[in-house]
Amino acid sequence: MSLSYLIREPQLKLDKNPLLLLLHGYGSNEQDLFSFASELPAEYFVISVRAPFDLHYNSYAWYSINFDADENKFSDIPQAQISRDLIANFIDDIILKFPIDKNDITLIGFSQGCILSYAVGVSYPEKIRRIVAMSGYFNDKIASENYKNNNFTNLKIFASHGSLDQVVPVEWARKAQPTLSVLGIDIVYKEYPMDHGISSQNFSDFKKWLELKST
């Protein structure tokens, strides 16, 4: 299964350029995060990927979210794991297609795309250098089986969440830093007085973090 995507090529061309890979949230599409591609640093390829599962009306998901008889919400973990590996394979394919520096790939995920970014990063840390994880949480069930044995020396994470988020409880997001720090992952966590979204301050902070961690 191949993934559809939008691309902004770097304005500043190098022999090989770094990549920002954008992963949208549940029920959205690749246009969503791509709307701020022009605001991202000039030296990056910016690629926004469409999730594989079609919800109709131009909305897509990385995995289904279902409700049981008591209206408890639960995630389709096997589907999420399929998406995890699709993203990892997509990275391999896109490196062959464009002059991308395979040692400088950043995932930027929002909501369900954030949850997938965490899963891809811990499962394939040799492929991912940085993660910007916004308005989601770390779900170890989506990660590869023995992910804790991986080498996380080079993986860095900027995690952020809205303290007023009504979609993904902030308590879930707060668990990522203590959980991943124990594995030796360099993770920064910030909260903003907002609901489920990306504020201008959040955007500004992750761009500064990117610049800092790119040196």
Protein backbone atom coordinates (compact mmCIF):
# COMPACT_ATOMS: atom_id res chain seq x y z
CA MET A 1 0.00 0.00 0.00
CA SER A 2 1.54 3.33 -1.05
CA LEU A 3 0.72 6.58 0.74
CA SER A 4 -0.41 9.78 -1.00
CA TYR A 5 1.47 12.93 -0.07
CA LEU A 6 2.12 16.60 -0.75
CA ILE A 7 5.67 17.93 -1.00
CA ARG A 8 7.40 21.27 -0.61
CA GLU A 9 10.94 21.02 -1.91
CA PRO A 10 13.64 22.92 -0.02
CA GLN A 11 14.33 26.50 -1.14
CA LEU A 12 17.90 26.09 0.06
CA LYS A 13 19.28 23.13 -1.92
CA LEU A 14 22.06 21.01 -0.42
CA ASP A 15 23.58 17.76 -1.68
CA LYS A 16 21.12 16.05 0.63
CA ASN A 17 18.44 17.95 2.54
CA PRO A 18 16.75 17.08 5.85
CA LEU A 19 13.09 16.04 5.89
CA LEU A 20 10.07 17.10 7.93
CA LEU A 21 7.38 14.44 7.60
CA LEU A 22 3.91 15.67 8.64
CA LEU A 23 1.31 13.23 10.01
CA HIS A 24 -2.23 14.60 10.34
CA GLY A 25 -4.91 13.72 12.90
CA TYR A 26 -7.95 11.44 12.77
CA GLY A 27 -10.57 12.50 10.21
CA SER A 28 -8.28 14.99 8.49
CA ASN A 29 -6.06 14.75 5.41
CA GLU A 30 -2.65 15.72 4.06
CA GLN A 31 -3.76 19.30 3.31
CA ASP A 32 -4.18 20.11 7.00
CA LEU A 33 -0.64 20.37 8.39
CA PHE A 34 0.70 21.21 4.91
CA SER A 35 -1.05 24.58 5.28
CA PHE A 36 1.88 25.79 7.39
CA ALA A 37 4.63 24.28 5.17
CA SER A 38 5.65 27.72 3.92
CA GLU A 39 6.43 28.74 7.53
CA LEU A 40 8.89 25.88 8.05
CA PRO A 41 12.66 26.25 7.62
CA ALA A 42 13.89 26.67 4.04
CA GLU A 43 16.49 23.88 4.08
CA TYR A 44 13.94 21.08 4.68
CA PHE A 45 11.93 18.89 2.38
CA VAL A 46 8.42 19.12 3.82
CA ILE A 47 6.21 16.12 3.03
CA SER A 48 2.67 15.76 4.34
CA VAL A 49 1.30 12.20 4.16
CA ARG A 50 -2.31 11.06 3.88
CA ALA A 51 -3.32 8.33 6.35
CA PRO A 52 -4.27 5.03 4.65
CA PHE A 53 -7.76 4.35 6.01
CA ASP A 54 -10.55 6.22 4.20
CA LEU A 55 -13.37 7.58 6.36
CA HIS A 56 -15.11 9.15 3.27
CA TYR A 57 -15.64 12.84 2.48
CA ASN A 58 -11.90 13.48 2.14
CA SER A 59 -11.13 12.43 5.69
CA TYR A 60 -8.69 9.70 6.67
CA ALA A 61 -7.36 7.86 9.71
CA TRP A 62 -4.18 6.07 10.71
CA TYR A 63 -6.42 3.58 12.53
CA SER A 64 -10.06 3.20 13.49
CA ILE A 65 -11.45 4.44 16.78
CA ASN A 66 -14.37 2.28 17.89
CA PHE A 67 -16.94 2.38 20.69
CA ASP A 68 -18.15 -0.62 22.69
CA ALA A 69 -21.67 -1.15 24.06
CA ASP A 70 -20.93 1.15 27.02
CA GLU A 71 -19.59 3.82 24.70
CA ASN A 72 -16.01 3.31 25.83
CA LYS A 73 -13.61 4.43 23.11
CA PHE A 74 -10.84 2.10 21.99
CA SER A 75 -8.20 2.06 19.25
CA ASP A 76 -7.74 -0.55 16.55
CA ILE A 77 -4.19 -1.54 17.53
CA PRO A 78 -3.52 -3.93 14.58
CA GLN A 79 -4.49 -1.14 12.15
CA ALA A 80 -2.24 1.30 14.03
CA GLN A 81 0.66 -1.15 13.75
CA ILE A 82 0.04 -1.44 9.99
CA SER A 83 0.23 2.36 9.73
CA ARG A 84 3.40 2.40 11.85
CA ASP A 85 5.15 0.12 9.39
CA LEU A 86 3.67 1.89 6.35
CA ILE A 87 5.26 5.12 7.56
CA ALA A 88 8.62 3.41 8.13
CA ASN A 89 8.50 1.91 4.62
CA PHE A 90 7.36 5.23 3.14
CA ILE A 91 10.50 6.86 4.60
CA ASP A 92 12.69 4.25 2.88
CA ASP A 93 10.89 4.83 -0.45
CA ILE A 94 10.99 8.61 -0.29
CA ILE A 95 14.75 8.60 0.45
CA LEU A 96 15.25 6.71 -2.84
CA LYS A 97 13.07 9.18 -4.73
CA PHE A 98 14.47 12.51 -3.46
CA PRO A 99 17.92 13.71 -2.27
CA ILE A 100 16.97 13.42 1.42
CA ASP A 101 19.50 13.05 4.22
CA LYS A 102 18.49 9.70 5.77
CA ASN A 103 20.21 10.71 9.02
CA ASP A 104 18.12 13.88 9.44
CA ILE A 105 14.43 12.97 9.42
CA THR A 106 11.89 14.62 11.71
CA LEU A 107 8.31 13.48 12.27
CA ILE A 108 5.76 16.19 13.06
CA GLY A 109 2.51 14.61 14.23
CA PHE A 110 -0.75 16.08 15.47
CA SER A 111 -3.28 14.09 17.55
CA GLN A 112 -3.51 10.60 16.00
CA GLY A 113 -0.52 11.54 13.86
CA CYS A 114 1.33 12.35 17.10
CA ILE A 115 0.51 8.91 18.53
CA LEU A 116 1.87 7.32 15.34
CA SER A 117 4.98 9.53 15.43
CA TYR A 118 5.83 8.24 18.89
CA ALA A 119 5.30 4.63 17.76
CA VAL A 120 7.43 4.99 14.62
CA GLY A 121 10.17 6.82 16.52
CA VAL A 122 10.61 4.25 19.29
CA SER A 123 10.19 1.29 16.90
CA TYR A 124 12.61 2.63 14.26
CA PRO A 125 14.95 5.09 16.04
CA GLU A 126 17.62 4.41 13.41
CA LYS A 127 15.31 6.12 10.87
CA ILE A 128 14.09 9.06 13.00
CA ARG A 129 16.24 11.81 14.48
CA ARG A 130 13.53 14.07 15.92
CA ILE A 131 9.82 14.02 16.74
CA VAL A 132 7.49 16.97 17.25
CA ALA A 133 4.60 15.30 19.11
CA MET A 134 1.57 17.61 19.43
CA SER A 135 -1.76 16.93 21.14
CA GLY A 136 -1.35 13.17 21.39
CA TYR A 137 0.13 10.58 23.74
CA PHE A 138 2.50 7.63 23.80
CA ASN A 139 0.77 4.26 23.35
CA ASP A 140 3.29 1.44 23.83
CA LYS A 141 0.84 -1.10 22.34
CA ILE A 142 1.45 0.45 18.91
CA ALA A 143 5.24 0.26 19.28
CA SER A 144 7.20 -2.76 18.07
CA GLU A 145 7.34 -5.67 20.50
CA ASN A 146 10.89 -5.21 21.82
CA TYR A 147 11.17 -1.46 21.31
CA LYS A 148 12.74 -0.91 24.76
CA ASN A 149 15.88 -2.71 23.53
CA ASN A 150 16.45 -0.15 20.74
CA ASN A 151 19.22 2.43 20.73
CA PHE A 152 17.71 5.87 21.41
CA THR A 153 20.99 7.80 21.61
CA ASN A 154 20.12 10.07 18.68
CA LEU A 155 16.35 10.44 19.19
CA LYS A 156 15.04 13.80 20.43
CA ILE A 157 11.40 14.70 21.10
CA PHE A 158 9.48 17.96 21.54
CA ALA A 159 6.09 17.06 23.04
CA SER A 160 3.29 19.56 23.62
CA HIS A 161 -0.35 19.58 24.65
CA GLY A 162 -3.21 21.91 25.46
CA SER A 163 -4.08 22.02 29.15
CA LEU A 164 -7.76 22.51 28.12
CA ASP A 165 -7.82 19.67 25.56
CA GLN A 166 -11.30 18.04 25.45
CA VAL A 167 -10.31 15.40 22.87
CA VAL A 168 -7.14 13.85 24.31
CA PRO A 169 -6.87 14.27 28.10
CA VAL A 170 -3.77 16.18 29.13
CA GLU A 171 -3.08 13.53 31.79
CA TRP A 172 -2.41 11.02 28.99
CA ALA A 173 0.06 13.37 27.30
CA ARG A 174 1.96 14.03 30.54
CA LYS A 175 2.95 10.36 30.84
CA ALA A 176 5.20 10.46 27.76
CA GLN A 177 8.06 12.37 29.33
CA PRO A 178 8.63 10.16 32.40
CA THR A 179 8.02 6.97 30.38
CA LEU A 180 10.43 7.84 27.56
CA SER A 181 13.06 9.59 29.68
CA VAL A 182 13.67 6.28 31.47
CA LEU A 183 14.75 4.85 28.10
CA GLY A 184 17.34 7.60 27.74
CA ILE A 185 15.32 9.60 25.20
CA ASP A 186 15.90 13.36 25.19
CA ILE A 187 12.30 14.66 25.54
CA VAL A 188 11.02 18.15 26.26
CA TYR A 189 7.34 18.57 27.28
CA LYS A 190 5.36 21.82 27.18
CA GLU A 191 1.74 22.73 27.87
CA TYR A 192 -0.28 25.64 26.54
CA PRO A 193 -3.61 27.11 27.72
CA MET A 194 -5.52 25.84 24.67
CA ASP A 195 -7.93 23.13 23.53
CA HIS A 196 -7.12 20.48 20.88
CA GLY A 197 -5.03 22.41 18.40
CA ILE A 198 -1.75 24.20 17.63
CA SER A 199 -1.42 27.71 19.04
CA SER A 200 0.93 30.33 17.60
CA GLN A 201 3.11 29.98 20.71
CA ASN A 202 3.23 26.19 20.30
CA PHE A 203 4.22 26.59 16.64
CA SER A 204 6.88 29.16 17.48
CA ASP A 205 8.33 26.99 20.27
CA PHE A 206 8.66 23.85 18.17
CA LYS A 207 10.30 25.84 15.34
CA LYS A 208 12.87 27.22 17.80
CA TRP A 209 13.43 23.73 19.18
CA LEU A 210 13.96 22.42 15.62
CA GLU A 211 16.56 25.08 14.94
CA LEU A 212 18.31 24.34 18.23
CA LYS A 213 18.33 20.57 17.69
CA SER A 214 19.47 20.93 14.06
CA THR A 215 22.86 22.29 15.06
